C-alpha atoms as a PDB file:
ATOM      1  CA  MET A   1     189.989  92.664  65.504  1.00  0.00           C
ATOM      2  CA  PRO A   2     191.987  94.653  62.272  1.00  0.00           C
ATOM      3  CA  VAL A   3     189.930  96.705  60.625  1.00  0.00           C
ATOM      4  CA  THR A   4     189.510  94.719  57.872  1.00  0.00           C
ATOM      5  CA  ALA A   5     188.009  92.028  59.633  1.00  0.00           C
ATOM      6  CA  THR A   6     185.306  94.078  61.269  1.00  0.00           C
ATOM      7  CA  ARG A   7     184.825  95.262  58.064  1.00  0.00           C
ATOM      8  CA  LEU A   8     184.118  92.108  56.240  1.00  0.00           C
ATOM      9  CA  LEU A   9     182.116  90.639  58.753  1.00  0.00           C
ATOM     10  CA  ILE A  10     179.854  94.263  58.307  1.00  0.00           C
ATOM     11  CA  ILE A  11     179.765  93.156  54.728  1.00  0.00           C
ATOM     12  CA  MET A  12     179.002  89.461  55.222  1.00  0.00           C
ATOM     13  CA  ASP A  13     175.557  90.552  57.093  1.00  0.00           C
ATOM     14  CA  LEU A  14     174.710  93.012  54.298  1.00  0.00           C
ATOM     15  CA  PHE A  15     175.620  90.233  51.921  1.00  0.00           C
ATOM     16  CA  ALA A  16     173.143  87.653  54.235  1.00  0.00           C
ATOM     17  CA  ALA A  17     170.849  90.528  54.064  1.00  0.00           C
ATOM     18  CA  LEU A  18     170.607  90.776  50.433  1.00  0.00           C
ATOM     19  CA  ASN A  19     170.543  87.175  49.850  1.00  0.00           C
ATOM     20  CA  GLY A  20     167.661  86.543  52.102  1.00  0.00           C
ATOM     21  CA  LEU A  21     165.964  89.361  50.175  1.00  0.00           C
ATOM     22  CA  VAL A  22     166.976  88.229  46.840  1.00  0.00           C
ATOM     23  CA  ALA A  23     165.458  85.181  47.933  1.00  0.00           C
ATOM     24  CA  LYS A  24     161.574  86.065  49.064  1.00  0.00           C
ATOM     25  CA  ILE A  25     161.337  87.958  45.938  1.00  0.00           C
ATOM     26  CA  GLU A  26     162.399  85.022  44.072  1.00  0.00           C
ATOM     27  CA  ARG A  27     159.915  82.542  45.757  1.00  0.00           C
ATOM     28  CA  TRP A  28     157.612  85.308  45.717  1.00  0.00           C
ATOM     29  CA  TRP A  29     158.065  85.250  41.458  1.00  0.00           C
ATOM     30  CA  ILE A  30     157.999  81.496  41.200  1.00  0.00           C
ATOM     31  CA  ARG A  31     154.843  80.910  43.379  1.00  0.00           C
ATOM     32  CA  GLU A  32     152.933  84.199  42.085  1.00  0.00           C
ATOM     33  CA  ILE A  33     154.124  84.685  38.274  1.00  0.00           C
ATOM     34  CA  GLU A  34     156.164  81.000  37.489  1.00  0.00           C
ATOM     35  CA  VAL A  35     154.059  78.930  38.246  1.00  0.00           C
ATOM     36  CA  PRO A  36     150.461  80.263  37.229  1.00  0.00           C
ATOM     37  CA  ALA A  37     151.682  81.130  34.234  1.00  0.00           C
ATOM     38  CA  ASN A  38     153.382  77.047  33.047  1.00  0.00           C
ATOM     39  CA  PRO A  39     151.178  74.224  32.115  1.00  0.00           C
ATOM     40  CA  ASP A  40     153.340  72.051  32.888  1.00  0.00           C
ATOM     41  CA  PHE A  41     152.561  73.129  36.917  1.00  0.00           C
ATOM     42  CA  ASP A  42     147.967  72.500  35.779  1.00  0.00           C
ATOM     43  CA  ASP A  43     148.124  68.719  37.482  1.00  0.00           C
ATOM     44  CA  ILE A  44     150.530  69.713  40.526  1.00  0.00           C
ATOM     45  CA  ASP A  45     149.500  70.279  43.944  1.00  0.00           C
ATOM     46  CA  LEU A  46     152.367  72.115  45.426  1.00  0.00           C
ATOM     47  CA  THR A  47     152.911  72.620  49.011  1.00  0.00           C
ATOM     48  CA  GLU A  48     153.861  75.506  50.428  1.00  0.00           C
ATOM     49  CA  ALA A  49     157.091  72.664  51.797  1.00  0.00           C
ATOM     50  CA  ASP A  50     157.396  72.738  47.744  1.00  0.00           C
ATOM     51  CA  TYR A  51     157.697  76.521  47.126  1.00  0.00           C
ATOM     52  CA  SER A  52     159.833  77.281  50.486  1.00  0.00           C
ATOM     53  CA  ALA A  53     162.522  74.362  48.874  1.00  0.00           C
ATOM     54  CA  ALA A  54     162.427  75.854  45.525  1.00  0.00           C
ATOM     55  CA  MET A  55     165.156  78.171  43.860  1.00  0.00           C
ATOM     56  CA  SER A  56     165.705  80.079  41.023  1.00  0.00           C
ATOM     57  CA  GLY A  57     169.627  79.835  39.662  1.00  0.00           C
ATOM     58  CA  ARG A  58     169.820  83.916  40.766  1.00  0.00           C
ATOM     59  CA  MET A  59     169.380  82.372  44.913  1.00  0.00           C
ATOM     60  CA  VAL A  60     171.948  79.620  43.760  1.00  0.00           C
ATOM     61  CA  PHE A  61     174.239  81.839  42.431  1.00  0.00           C
ATOM     62  CA  LEU A  62     174.140  84.148  45.460  1.00  0.00           C
ATOM     63  CA  GLY A  63     174.277  81.195  48.042  1.00  0.00           C
ATOM     64  CA  LEU A  64     177.514  79.757  45.840  1.00  0.00           C
ATOM     65  CA  MET A  65     179.063  83.716  46.085  1.00  0.00           C
ATOM     66  CA  MET A  66     178.341  83.671  50.029  1.00  0.00           C
ATOM     67  CA  LYS A  67     180.058  80.488  50.090  1.00  0.00           C
ATOM     68  CA  LEU A  68     183.001  81.558  48.632  1.00  0.00           C
ATOM     69  CA  ALA A  69     183.246  85.107  50.657  1.00  0.00           C
ATOM     70  CA  ALA A  70     183.156  83.234  53.574  1.00  0.00           C
ATOM     71  CA  GLY A  71     185.555  81.052  53.357  1.00  0.00           C
ATOM     72  CA  ASP A  72     183.924  77.748  52.580  1.00  0.00           C
ATOM     73  CA  ASP A  73     185.722  76.344  49.879  1.00  0.00           C
ATOM     74  CA  ASP A  74     185.161  72.328  50.015  1.00  0.00           C
ATOM     75  CA  GLU A  75     181.464  73.299  49.594  1.00  0.00           C
ATOM     76  CA  VAL A  76     182.113  75.870  46.619  1.00  0.00           C
ATOM     77  CA  ALA A  77     184.073  72.791  45.489  1.00  0.00           C
ATOM     78  CA  LYS A  78     181.462  70.341  45.564  1.00  0.00           C
ATOM     79  CA  TRP A  79     179.490  72.903  43.720  1.00  0.00           C
ATOM     80  CA  HIS A  80     182.037  73.309  41.084  1.00  0.00           C
ATOM     81  CA  GLU A  81     182.002  69.653  40.631  1.00  0.00           C
ATOM     82  CA  LYS A  82     178.319  69.558  39.952  1.00  0.00           C
ATOM     83  CA  ILE A  83     178.361  71.749  37.256  1.00  0.00           C
ATOM     84  CA  ALA A  84     181.232  70.419  35.584  1.00  0.00           C
ATOM     85  CA  GLU A  85     179.112  67.065  35.664  1.00  0.00           C
ATOM     86  CA  LEU A  86     175.370  68.862  34.433  1.00  0.00           C
ATOM     87  CA  THR A  87     177.936  70.851  31.247  1.00  0.00           C
ATOM     88  CA  LYS A  88     179.164  67.236  30.281  1.00  0.00           C
ATOM     89  CA  LYS A  89     175.172  65.539  29.954  1.00  0.00           C
ATOM     90  CA  ARG A  90     174.488  68.916  27.682  1.00  0.00           C
END
């Protein structure tokens, strides 16, 4: 295996660890700060599954960056189309 490929694997491992840490922090923030402070959620009983599925913009962006760095161009193209579609609606 070339040195560059080994280096890429290490970087992807660190990137995945960073993504996991950011997800944990962001979900804590959503659960402990965002939802309690937002009156729109006062009458909604959220489950653990709801909190586990919650994604911040930062989490979506990092996930997209990971897919791009891993070479998943098809998935990136799908997200690009979705974002372009949402942007047109505004």
